C-alpha cells in the first residue's frame, strides 16, 4: 500500500479572517455561501420525491429543457437565481437513478452519508494530484485503498489509485501490464513507445465487457488484436479452451458477467497461465462482481481472483458512492507508478501523490467518497448490502418464473435476465415497462436472445420495491401481450 515512508505529515494551523464570513454575517444576505443551505433544502426535497415519482421524466419535463438552450446573457445572476432555475427546469427532467427502483446499467444510488461527505469534501476544493496540496484527502484515499485491498483479500502490498470508473481503471492497469511485460523482455515502452516493440498477446473471453476493448485501444494493444476464448452457458471463460501461451501475454478475466453476473474460473485459468514459459499478466474486470468477496455467501464465486496481477472495480457501484469513483489496483505498485507517474521541476516528488497512480495530473480526490462509504457501512454493513441485493435479484427471478416467464441465467449475484416471448415482443414489453415508470430495466442481447436485464445494486431498494416492480412488470407484460392485434405467447422459446 502507499505510505508516507516515514515522513511525518505536519499540518500548520492558521485563522482566516474574511470580512464576509464573520460570525455576524454567517446568515446574512451578504454571505456568499448561504446558497448552500438552499441547495441542501432543494436536494432533500428532490431525493425524498424519488420514492413515489416516476423513474423516468415526463415528456413535459424533457420538453422544458429547451429553456436552457438560449444565448448567454450579459449580466451576472445571483447564486440563488441560478439554483432556482437549475432545480425548476432540470430536476424534473432527471432519471431517478438515486431512487429505489432503478435497475438499469448496474447503477447504484449514493448513500446519504457518502453524498454528504462528497458535498463537504468538494467544499474543501483540494487538488488531489499531490499530497502537499491535499494532505487530508490524500491520507483518506490511502486509508480507503488499504481498506479495499484488505476487504477484497488481495495481496497486502498492492497499490492503486482512484479514477473515474472501471474504464479508466482498465486503462491504468493495462498500461502497467504493457510496460511490465515488455520490461521483462528487454523493451522500455515508457521511453520508446510501441513502435517496434515485441508483440503482446491479449486473451479475453467471448463475453468480455466493451470497456476492456476501449482500454486496449487506448494503451496501444488494439481493440481487435485479441484471442477470444469460448464461454459456457453462463458466459464464463472455459478453462479448457485457454490457448497456449508462447510470448508476453495479458489474460483478461471477469468477476461478474455484465449480463449474468457469472464469474470466470480464476483458480483454474490463472494456474494454467502461470505454467507457461513466458511472461504473463492477469487482469480482472471486477466492476461490480469483485465486491462479492466481502459477502460470506458469495465470496466463493471469486475464488482465486487474488492470484491476478491487477483488478479494476467501481466504488460507484456496490459501495454506493456518488459518480464518479473507480478503482485501479495493481499487485506491483511500483510498475503502476512508473507507468503513470509525473515528474517536473516544479512538482513535489514522493510516493504519496495521487497523480502518480492515476491518469490525471489535475484530479478530484474522489477516494474520499470511497472512504466515506466504507466508514459509513463497516465490514458488516457492506456485506449485508451485497447479500441483500443478491437476495432481491433472486426474488425478482423467482417471481418471474412463477409467472411463467423464462429466466435465462443462473442468478448467482445481482443480475437477472428474463424474456417475454420472442425478441420483438420482449422489446415491446421492455419499452412499455420503461414508459410506465414504476421501475426501469434495460434491454440486452445475450447469447443470441433478446432479454430484459434487471440489475439490483442500490442501498435504497427494499423488498417492497422489488414486489412493486414485479407487479408493474407483469401487469405491463399482460397488457402488451393481450393488446389488440397481439398474439398469445407462453414466454418460452
Protein backbone atom coordinates (compact mmCIF):
# COMPACT_ATOMS: atom_id res chain seq x y z
CA UNK A 1 0.00 0.00 0.00
CA UNK A 2 1.03 3.59 -0.44
CA UNK A 3 2.55 5.02 2.71
CA UNK A 4 4.31 8.15 3.83
CA UNK A 5 7.52 6.10 4.07
CA UNK A 6 8.37 7.54 7.44
CA UNK A 7 7.66 11.14 6.53
CA UNK A 8 5.63 12.79 9.23
CA UNK A 9 2.67 14.78 7.99
CA UNK A 10 2.70 18.15 9.70
CA UNK A 11 -0.28 20.45 9.36
CA UNK A 12 0.15 24.16 10.02
CA UNK A 13 -2.90 25.80 11.51
CA UNK A 14 -3.97 29.34 10.83
CA UNK A 15 -7.04 31.51 11.27
CA UNK A 16 -8.56 33.10 8.22
CA UNK A 17 -10.41 36.39 8.63
CA UNK A 18 -12.76 37.03 5.76
CA UNK A 19 -14.97 40.09 6.15
CA UNK A 20 -17.96 38.40 4.54
CA UNK A 21 -17.65 35.32 6.73
CA UNK A 22 -17.64 36.88 10.18
CA UNK A 23 -19.90 35.34 12.79
CA UNK A 24 -22.34 38.21 12.49
CA UNK A 25 -22.70 37.79 8.74
CA UNK A 26 -22.92 33.99 8.61
CA UNK A 27 -26.65 34.05 7.93
CA UNK A 28 -26.93 37.46 6.35
CA UNK A 29 -27.92 38.15 2.74
CA UNK A 30 -24.35 39.20 2.04
CA UNK A 31 -22.97 35.76 2.93
CA UNK A 32 -21.91 34.27 -0.43
CA UNK A 33 -22.23 30.73 0.94
CA UNK A 34 -25.82 31.00 2.13
CA UNK A 35 -26.94 29.49 -1.16
CA UNK A 36 -25.61 26.13 0.08
CA UNK A 37 -28.42 25.95 2.61
CA UNK A 38 -30.89 26.40 -0.22
CA UNK A 39 -29.17 23.66 -2.20
CA UNK A 40 -29.44 21.31 0.78
CA UNK A 41 -33.16 22.04 1.13
CA UNK A 42 -33.85 21.50 -2.56
CA UNK A 43 -31.72 18.36 -2.69
CA UNK A 44 -33.54 16.80 0.26
CA UNK A 45 -36.88 17.56 -1.36
CA UNK A 46 -35.72 16.02 -4.65
CA UNK A 47 -34.35 12.85 -3.07
CA UNK A 48 -37.46 12.36 -0.93
CA UNK A 49 -39.63 12.62 -4.04
CA UNK A 50 -37.93 9.66 -5.72
CA UNK A 51 -39.74 7.12 -3.56
CA UNK A 52 -43.01 7.81 -5.37
CA UNK A 53 -42.25 9.68 -8.58
CA UNK A 54 -41.90 8.01 -11.95
CA UNK A 55 -38.40 6.72 -12.57
CA UNK A 56 -38.41 8.39 -15.98
CA UNK A 57 -39.14 12.08 -16.57
CA UNK A 58 -42.35 13.16 -18.23
CA UNK A 59 -42.44 14.38 -21.82
CA UNK A 60 -43.33 17.81 -20.46
CA UNK A 61 -40.23 17.85 -18.25
CA UNK A 62 -37.99 16.82 -21.14
CA UNK A 63 -39.50 19.49 -23.37
CA UNK A 64 -38.82 22.03 -20.63
CA UNK A 65 -35.07 21.50 -21.02
CA UNK A 66 -35.25 23.71 -24.09
CA UNK A 67 -35.31 26.65 -21.68
CA UNK A 68 -31.58 26.18 -21.15
CA UNK A 69 -30.76 26.42 -24.85
CA UNK A 70 -30.61 30.17 -25.24
CA UNK A 71 -27.91 32.79 -25.67
CA UNK A 72 -25.65 33.63 -22.74
CA UNK A 73 -26.84 36.79 -21.04
CA UNK A 74 -24.56 39.80 -20.47
CA UNK A 75 -25.07 40.40 -16.74
CA UNK A 76 -24.32 38.02 -13.85
CA UNK A 77 -27.17 36.41 -11.96
CA UNK A 78 -27.30 35.63 -8.26
CA UNK A 79 -26.40 32.16 -6.93
CA UNK A 80 -29.98 31.84 -5.64
CA UNK A 81 -31.45 32.60 -9.07
CA UNK A 82 -29.13 30.12 -10.74
CA UNK A 83 -30.03 27.31 -8.32
CA UNK A 84 -33.74 28.09 -8.60
CA UNK A 85 -33.54 27.83 -12.38
CA UNK A 86 -31.48 24.65 -12.31
CA UNK A 87 -33.84 22.95 -9.87
CA UNK A 88 -37.02 24.15 -11.55
CA UNK A 89 -36.00 23.10 -15.07
CA UNK A 90 -33.53 20.23 -14.69
CA UNK A 91 -34.64 18.33 -11.59
CA UNK A 92 -37.96 17.17 -13.13
CA UNK A 93 -36.05 16.01 -16.23
CA UNK A 94 -33.76 13.63 -14.39
CA UNK A 95 -33.89 9.84 -14.36
CA UNK A 96 -34.39 8.62 -10.79
CA UNK A 97 -31.14 6.66 -10.60
CA UNK A 98 -30.82 7.71 -6.96
CA UNK A 99 -34.20 6.19 -6.20
CA UNK A 100 -35.08 2.64 -5.09
CA UNK A 101 -36.44 1.19 -8.35
CA UNK A 102 -33.82 1.94 -10.96
CA UNK A 103 -32.44 -1.40 -12.16
CA UNK A 104 -30.57 -0.34 -15.29
CA UNK A 105 -26.86 -0.38 -16.25
CA UNK A 106 -25.65 -1.57 -12.82
CA UNK A 107 -26.13 1.94 -11.42
CA UNK A 108 -26.46 2.50 -7.70
CA UNK A 109 -27.66 5.47 -5.69
CA UNK A 110 -25.40 7.36 -3.30
CA UNK A 111 -25.61 6.52 0.38
CA UNK A 112 -26.77 9.56 2.38
CA UNK A 113 -23.58 9.74 4.46
CA UNK A 114 -21.43 9.47 1.35
CA UNK A 115 -23.34 12.14 -0.54
CA UNK A 116 -22.94 14.43 2.47
CA UNK A 117 -19.21 13.68 2.67
CA UNK A 118 -18.95 14.39 -1.05
CA UNK A 119 -20.54 17.82 -0.54
CA UNK A 120 -18.21 18.63 2.34
CA UNK A 121 -15.03 17.42 0.66
CA UNK A 122 -15.98 19.29 -2.53
CA UNK A 123 -16.19 22.47 -0.47
CA UNK A 124 -12.58 21.92 0.57
CA UNK A 125 -11.55 22.39 -3.11
CA UNK A 126 -8.50 20.18 -2.76
CA UNK A 127 -6.17 19.33 -5.64
CA UNK A 128 -5.88 15.56 -5.42
CA UNK A 129 -2.85 15.32 -7.67
CA UNK A 130 -0.28 15.62 -4.94
CA UNK A 131 -0.12 15.32 -1.18
CA UNK A 132 1.20 18.79 -0.44
CA UNK A 133 -1.97 20.33 -1.92
CA UNK A 134 -4.39 17.91 -0.24
CA UNK A 135 -2.89 16.35 2.90
CA UNK A 136 -6.18 15.27 4.47
CA UNK A 137 -7.71 13.99 1.25
CA UNK A 138 -4.52 12.15 0.32
CA UNK A 139 -4.45 10.32 3.63
CA UNK A 140 -8.14 9.43 3.35
CA UNK A 141 -7.51 7.98 -0.13
CA UNK A 142 -4.60 5.95 1.18
CA UNK A 143 -6.66 4.59 4.06
CA UNK A 144 -9.56 3.76 1.72
CA UNK A 145 -7.22 1.91 -0.65
CA UNK A 146 -5.78 -0.11 2.21
CA UNK A 147 -9.24 -1.00 3.47
CA UNK A 148 -10.35 -2.05 -0.02
CA UNK A 149 -7.33 -4.29 -0.56
CA UNK A 150 -7.97 -5.91 2.82
CA UNK A 151 -11.72 -6.34 2.24
CA UNK A 152 -11.20 -7.92 -1.16
CA UNK A 153 -8.49 -10.24 0.10
CA UNK A 154 -5.91 -9.01 -2.41
CA UNK A 155 -2.13 -9.08 -1.84
CA UNK A 156 -1.50 -6.73 1.09
CA UNK A 157 1.24 -4.73 -0.64
CA UNK A 158 -0.89 -3.94 -3.70
CA UNK A 159 -1.19 -0.28 -4.63
CA UNK A 160 -3.59 1.68 -6.75
CA UNK A 161 -5.46 4.84 -7.47
CA UNK A 162 -8.97 6.25 -7.56
CA UNK A 163 -10.06 7.04 -11.10
CA UNK A 164 -13.30 7.96 -12.85
CA UNK A 165 -14.56 4.43 -13.33
CA UNK A 166 -13.70 0.91 -14.43
CA UNK A 167 -12.85 2.06 -17.97
CA UNK A 168 -10.12 4.34 -16.60
CA UNK A 169 -9.10 1.61 -14.15
CA UNK A 170 -8.64 -0.76 -17.11
CA UNK A 171 -6.51 1.83 -18.89
CA UNK A 172 -4.30 2.38 -15.85
CA UNK A 173 -3.94 -1.34 -15.13
CA UNK A 174 -3.31 -2.33 -18.75
CA UNK A 175 -0.71 0.42 -19.14
CA UNK A 176 1.12 -1.13 -16.18
CA UNK A 177 0.64 -4.60 -17.68
CA UNK A 178 2.02 -3.49 -21.05
CA UNK A 179 5.06 -1.81 -19.54
CA UNK A 180 5.71 -4.56 -17.02
CA UNK A 181 5.58 -7.37 -19.59
CA UNK A 182 7.74 -5.58 -22.13
CA UNK A 183 10.28 -4.68 -19.46
CA UNK A 184 10.66 -8.39 -18.76
CA UNK A 185 11.66 -8.99 -22.40
CA UNK A 186 14.05 -6.05 -22.58
CA UNK A 187 11.84 -3.29 -24.02
CA UNK A 188 11.23 0.08 -22.36
CA UNK A 189 7.76 1.04 -23.56
CA UNK A 190 7.66 4.13 -21.35
CA UNK A 191 10.68 5.61 -23.09
CA UNK A 192 10.47 4.10 -26.57
CA UNK A 193 6.75 3.59 -27.16
CA UNK A 194 5.26 0.66 -29.01
CA UNK A 195 6.74 1.08 -32.48
CA UNK A 196 8.98 -1.95 -32.97
CA UNK A 197 8.11 -3.42 -29.59
CA UNK A 198 7.78 -7.19 -29.13
CA UNK A 199 4.14 -8.19 -29.64
CA UNK A 200 1.86 -8.75 -26.65
CA UNK A 201 -0.90 -11.33 -26.98
CA UNK A 202 -4.19 -10.42 -25.29
CA UNK A 203 -6.54 -13.24 -24.29
CA UNK A 204 -10.18 -12.41 -23.48
CA UNK A 205 -13.42 -14.27 -23.02
CA UNK A 206 -16.09 -14.22 -25.70
CA UNK A 207 -18.31 -12.08 -23.44
CA UNK A 208 -15.73 -9.57 -22.26
CA UNK A 209 -17.18 -6.14 -21.44
CA UNK A 210 -16.84 -3.44 -24.09
CA UNK A 211 -14.91 -1.10 -21.79
CA UNK A 212 -11.99 -3.53 -21.78
CA UNK A 213 -11.67 -3.25 -25.55
CA UNK A 214 -11.77 0.53 -25.33
CA UNK A 215 -8.92 0.42 -22.82
CA UNK A 216 -6.90 -1.96 -25.00
CA UNK A 217 -7.20 0.53 -27.85
CA UNK A 218 -6.11 3.45 -25.69
CA UNK A 219 -2.93 1.72 -24.43
CA UNK A 220 -1.93 0.71 -27.96
CA UNK A 221 -2.70 -3.00 -27.77
CA UNK A 222 -5.64 -2.79 -30.16
CA UNK A 223 -9.33 -3.47 -29.80
CA UNK A 224 -9.23 -6.21 -32.42
CA UNK A 225 -5.87 -7.89 -31.74
CA UNK A 226 -7.26 -10.34 -29.19
CA UNK A 227 -7.71 -14.07 -28.86
CA UNK A 228 -11.31 -14.78 -27.84
CA UNK A 229 -11.84 -17.82 -25.66
CA UNK A 230 -15.23 -19.61 -25.82
CA UNK A 231 -17.53 -19.34 -22.82
CA UNK A 232 -20.00 -21.70 -21.20
CA UNK A 233 -23.78 -21.38 -20.90
CA UNK A 234 -23.45 -18.66 -18.23
CA UNK A 235 -20.78 -16.60 -20.01
CA UNK A 236 -17.80 -17.94 -18.05
CA UNK A 237 -14.49 -18.36 -19.88
CA UNK A 238 -13.79 -22.04 -20.43
CA UNK A 239 -10.54 -23.01 -18.75
CA UNK A 240 -10.15 -25.99 -21.08
CA UNK A 241 -10.16 -23.65 -24.09
CA UNK A 242 -7.36 -21.36 -22.90
CA UNK A 243 -4.85 -21.02 -25.78
CA UNK A 244 -1.22 -21.99 -25.44
CA UNK A 245 0.85 -19.07 -24.21
CA UNK A 246 4.17 -18.62 -26.04
CA UNK A 247 5.13 -14.98 -25.54
CA UNK A 248 4.28 -11.89 -23.46
CA UNK A 249 0.57 -12.28 -22.75
CA UNK A 250 -2.20 -10.47 -20.91
CA UNK A 251 -5.09 -12.69 -19.84
CA UNK A 252 -8.26 -10.68 -19.07
CA UNK A 253 -10.84 -12.30 -16.79
CA UNK A 254 -14.21 -11.24 -15.40
CA UNK A 255 -15.65 -11.11 -11.90
CA UNK A 256 -19.31 -10.62 -12.70
CA UNK A 257 -20.53 -11.02 -16.28
CA UNK A 258 -22.47 -7.87 -17.13
CA UNK A 259 -25.48 -9.93 -18.20
CA UNK A 260 -25.49 -12.98 -15.96
CA UNK A 261 -23.28 -11.99 -13.03
CA UNK A 262 -21.21 -15.14 -13.58
CA UNK A 263 -17.52 -15.41 -12.66
CA UNK A 264 -14.68 -16.83 -14.71
CA UNK A 265 -12.92 -19.83 -13.07
CA UNK A 266 -9.98 -17.80 -11.75
CA UNK A 267 -8.11 -20.55 -9.96
CA UNK A 268 -8.03 -22.90 -12.95
CA UNK A 269 -7.23 -20.28 -15.57
CA UNK A 270 -4.61 -18.35 -13.60
CA UNK A 271 -2.89 -21.57 -12.51
CA UNK A 272 -2.72 -22.74 -16.12
CA UNK A 273 -1.49 -19.36 -17.35
CA UNK A 274 1.30 -19.25 -14.76
CA UNK A 275 2.65 -22.57 -16.02
CA UNK A 276 3.57 -21.00 -19.36
CA UNK A 277 7.23 -20.44 -20.14
CA UNK A 278 6.56 -16.80 -20.98
CA UNK A 279 5.75 -13.53 -19.16
CA UNK A 280 2.05 -13.42 -18.22
CA UNK A 281 -0.08 -10.70 -16.64
CA UNK A 282 -3.61 -11.49 -15.46
CA UNK A 283 -6.06 -8.58 -15.29
CA UNK A 284 -9.55 -8.79 -13.76
CA UNK A 285 -12.60 -6.75 -14.72
CA UNK A 286 -14.46 -6.68 -11.43
CA UNK A 287 -16.56 -3.54 -11.92
CA UNK A 288 -19.29 -4.80 -9.59
CA UNK A 289 -18.67 -8.52 -9.11
CA UNK A 290 -15.39 -8.14 -7.25
CA UNK A 291 -17.41 -6.97 -4.23
CA UNK A 292 -18.80 -10.49 -3.86
CA UNK A 293 -15.57 -11.12 -1.96
CA UNK A 294 -16.92 -9.20 1.04
CA UNK A 295 -20.12 -11.27 1.35
CA UNK A 296 -19.77 -14.66 3.11
CA UNK A 297 -22.39 -16.37 0.95
CA UNK A 298 -20.90 -15.06 -2.32
CA UNK A 299 -17.14 -14.98 -1.73
CA UNK A 300 -16.65 -18.46 -3.21
CA UNK A 301 -17.68 -17.12 -6.62
CA UNK A 302 -14.39 -15.22 -6.88
CA UNK A 303 -12.11 -17.93 -5.50
CA UNK A 304 -8.59 -17.43 -6.82
CA UNK A 305 -9.10 -13.86 -8.01
CA UNK A 306 -6.34 -12.75 -5.61
CA UNK A 307 -3.82 -14.57 -7.83
CA UNK A 308 -4.19 -11.98 -10.59
CA UNK A 309 -1.84 -9.04 -11.18
CA UNK A 310 -4.36 -6.19 -11.46
CA UNK A 311 -8.00 -5.51 -10.74
CA UNK A 312 -10.48 -2.85 -11.89
CA UNK A 313 -13.65 -2.04 -9.98
CA UNK A 314 -16.04 0.76 -9.08
CA UNK A 315 -16.99 2.41 -5.81
CA UNK A 316 -20.00 3.99 -7.54
CA UNK A 317 -21.48 0.54 -7.98
CA UNK A 318 -21.68 -1.62 -4.86
CA UNK A 319 -20.09 0.88 -2.49
CA UNK A 320 -22.95 3.21 -3.49
CA UNK A 321 -20.73 6.28 -3.73
CA UNK A 322 -21.67 9.24 -5.94
CA UNK A 323 -20.41 9.34 -9.50
CA UNK A 324 -17.65 9.08 -10.29
CA UNK A 325 -15.32 6.78 -8.40
CA UNK A 326 -13.46 3.88 -9.95
CA UNK A 327 -10.54 1.93 -8.51
CA UNK A 328 -7.41 0.55 -10.17
CA UNK A 329 -5.38 -1.89 -8.07
CA UNK A 330 -2.06 -3.41 -9.12
CA UNK A 331 -0.07 -6.09 -7.32
CA UNK A 332 3.23 -4.43 -8.29
CA UNK A 333 2.53 -0.83 -7.39
CA UNK A 334 5.97 0.30 -8.49
CA UNK A 335 5.17 -0.75 -12.05
CA UNK A 336 1.92 1.24 -11.95
CA UNK A 337 3.77 4.29 -10.63
CA UNK A 338 6.48 4.04 -13.28
CA UNK A 339 3.81 3.83 -15.98
CA UNK A 340 1.66 6.74 -14.81
CA UNK A 341 3.99 8.91 -12.73
CA UNK A 342 4.56 12.61 -13.44
CA UNK A 343 7.78 14.50 -12.85
CA UNK A 344 8.68 18.14 -13.29
CA UNK A 345 10.97 20.60 -11.55
CA UNK A 346 8.04 22.47 -10.03
CA UNK A 347 6.11 19.38 -8.89
CA UNK A 348 6.64 17.74 -5.49
CA UNK A 349 8.01 14.23 -5.57
CA UNK A 350 7.33 11.28 -3.30
CA UNK A 351 5.25 8.14 -3.36
CA UNK A 352 2.11 9.67 -1.87
CA UNK A 353 0.96 11.69 -4.88
CA UNK A 354 -2.35 10.55 -6.36
CA UNK A 355 -1.36 11.68 -9.85
CA UNK A 356 1.38 9.04 -9.93
CA UNK A 357 -1.17 6.21 -9.74
CA UNK A 358 -3.90 7.63 -11.98
CA UNK A 359 -4.32 9.05 -15.47
CA UNK A 360 -4.86 12.67 -14.49
CA UNK A 361 -2.49 15.31 -13.19
CA UNK A 362 -5.33 17.51 -12.00
CA UNK A 363 -7.81 15.31 -10.21
CA UNK A 364 -10.59 15.38 -7.66
CA UNK A 365 -9.65 13.31 -4.60
CA UNK A 366 -12.59 11.00 -5.26
CA UNK A 367 -11.22 8.34 -2.98
CA UNK A 368 -12.69 10.37 -0.11
CA UNK A 369 -16.08 9.14 -1.32
CA UNK A 370 -14.89 5.53 -1.10
CA UNK A 371 -13.53 6.18 2.39
CA UNK A 372 -16.89 7.64 3.46
CA UNK A 373 -18.79 4.65 2.07
CA UNK A 374 -16.59 2.16 3.89
CA UNK A 375 -16.54 4.18 7.11
CA UNK A 376 -20.33 4.51 6.97
CA UNK A 377 -21.08 0.85 6.27
CA UNK A 378 -18.32 -1.00 8.06
CA UNK A 379 -17.46 -4.58 7.14
CA UNK A 380 -20.80 -6.00 8.24
CA UNK A 381 -22.87 -3.26 6.63
CA UNK A 382 -21.15 -3.71 3.26
CA UNK A 383 -21.55 -7.50 3.40
CA UNK A 384 -25.22 -7.10 4.27
CA UNK A 385 -25.75 -4.68 1.38
CA UNK A 386 -24.26 -7.10 -1.15
CA UNK A 387 -26.17 -10.07 0.26
CA UNK A 388 -29.46 -8.13 0.38
CA UNK A 389 -29.21 -7.02 -3.25
CA UNK A 390 -28.38 -10.57 -4.33
CA UNK A 391 -31.40 -11.93 -2.44
CA UNK A 392 -33.55 -9.26 -4.07
CA UNK A 393 -32.33 -10.32 -7.51
CA UNK A 394 -33.36 -13.88 -6.70
CA UNK A 395 -36.73 -12.52 -5.52
CA UNK A 396 -37.20 -10.98 -8.98
CA UNK A 397 -36.19 -14.21 -10.71
CA UNK A 398 -38.46 -16.42 -8.61
CA UNK A 399 -41.44 -14.14 -9.23
CA UNK A 400 -40.79 -14.18 -12.97
CA UNK A 401 -40.53 -17.96 -13.01
CA UNK A 402 -43.77 -18.38 -11.04
CA UNK A 403 -45.47 -16.12 -13.59
CA UNK A 404 -44.34 -18.42 -16.40
CA UNK A 405 -41.62 -16.19 -17.80
CA UNK A 406 -38.29 -17.54 -18.92
CA UNK A 407 -35.29 -16.56 -16.77
CA UNK A 408 -32.17 -17.14 -18.86
CA UNK A 409 -29.38 -17.14 -16.28
CA UNK A 410 -28.48 -18.80 -13.03
CA UNK A 411 -29.00 -15.93 -10.58
CA UNK A 412 -25.82 -16.20 -8.53
CA UNK A 413 -25.32 -12.48 -7.93
CA UNK A 414 -27.44 -9.41 -8.67
CA UNK A 415 -28.22 -9.82 -12.38
CA UNK A 416 -31.44 -11.27 -13.82
CA UNK A 417 -32.21 -11.89 -17.50
CA UNK A 418 -35.84 -12.51 -18.47
CA UNK A 419 -37.69 -12.75 -21.78
CA UNK A 420 -41.35 -12.12 -22.60
CA UNK A 421 -41.60 -14.31 -25.67
CA UNK A 422 -39.93 -13.69 -28.99
CA UNK A 423 -37.42 -10.87 -29.49
CA UNK A 424 -39.93 -8.38 -30.90
CA UNK A 425 -42.42 -8.86 -28.07
CA UNK A 426 -39.66 -8.71 -25.46
CA UNK A 427 -38.52 -5.34 -26.81
CA UNK A 428 -42.09 -4.08 -26.88
CA UNK A 429 -42.70 -5.11 -23.27
CA UNK A 430 -39.44 -3.53 -22.09
CA UNK A 431 -40.29 -0.26 -23.83
CA UNK A 432 -43.71 -0.27 -22.19
CA UNK A 433 -42.20 -1.00 -18.75
CA UNK A 434 -39.79 1.90 -19.13
CA UNK A 435 -42.60 4.22 -20.21
CA UNK A 436 -44.90 3.13 -17.36
CA UNK A 437 -42.33 4.44 -14.89
CA UNK A 438 -42.69 2.29 -11.77
CA UNK A 439 -39.21 0.92 -12.40
CA UNK A 440 -36.58 0.98 -15.12
CA UNK A 441 -34.87 -2.08 -16.59
CA UNK A 442 -32.79 -2.24 -19.75
CA UNK A 443 -32.71 -4.37 -22.87
CA UNK A 444 -29.82 -6.64 -23.78
CA UNK A 445 -28.97 -9.39 -26.22
CA UNK A 446 -27.28 -12.35 -24.59
CA UNK A 447 -26.14 -15.43 -26.48
CA UNK A 448 -28.47 -14.52 -29.32
CA UNK A 449 -31.59 -13.91 -27.19
CA UNK A 450 -33.15 -10.51 -26.54
CA UNK A 451 -33.90 -10.10 -22.86
CA UNK A 452 -34.67 -7.61 -20.12
CA UNK A 453 -31.77 -7.13 -17.70
CA UNK A 454 -32.51 -6.39 -14.05
CA UNK A 455 -29.54 -5.12 -12.03
CA UNK A 456 -30.11 -4.77 -8.29
CA UNK A 457 -27.35 -2.76 -6.61
CA UNK A 458 -28.84 0.14 -4.62
CA UNK A 459 -28.88 0.60 -0.86
CA UNK A 460 -32.31 2.22 -1.24
CA UNK A 461 -34.06 -0.81 -2.74
CA UNK A 462 -36.36 -2.67 -0.36
CA UNK A 463 -38.24 -5.94 -0.80
CA UNK A 464 -41.39 -3.85 -1.18
CA UNK A 465 -39.74 -2.04 -4.10
CA UNK A 466 -38.98 -5.39 -5.70
CA UNK A 467 -42.57 -6.58 -5.25
CA UNK A 468 -43.96 -3.30 -6.52
CA UNK A 469 -41.71 -3.51 -9.57
CA UNK A 470 -42.63 -7.14 -10.25
CA UNK A 471 -46.33 -6.26 -10.10
CA UNK A 472 -45.83 -3.44 -12.61
CA UNK A 473 -43.68 -5.57 -14.93
CA UNK A 474 -46.17 -8.44 -15.03
CA UNK A 475 -49.12 -6.09 -15.43
CA UNK A 476 -47.49 -4.27 -18.34
CA UNK A 477 -46.41 -7.57 -19.92
CA UNK A 478 -50.01 -8.81 -19.81
CA UNK A 479 -51.28 -5.57 -21.33
CA UNK A 480 -48.77 -5.79 -24.18
CA UNK A 481 -49.37 -9.49 -24.75
CA UNK A 482 -53.16 -9.23 -24.90
CA UNK A 483 -53.39 -5.85 -26.62
CA UNK A 484 -55.48 -5.79 -29.81
CA UNK A 485 -53.50 -7.35 -32.62
CA UNK A 486 -51.03 -9.12 -30.31
CA UNK A 487 -50.64 -12.88 -30.44
CA UNK A 488 -50.52 -15.05 -27.33
CA UNK A 489 -47.20 -16.35 -26.11
CA UNK A 490 -46.07 -18.57 -23.29
CA UNK A 491 -42.83 -16.64 -22.94
CA UNK A 492 -40.74 -19.72 -23.81
CA UNK A 493 -38.62 -20.22 -26.90
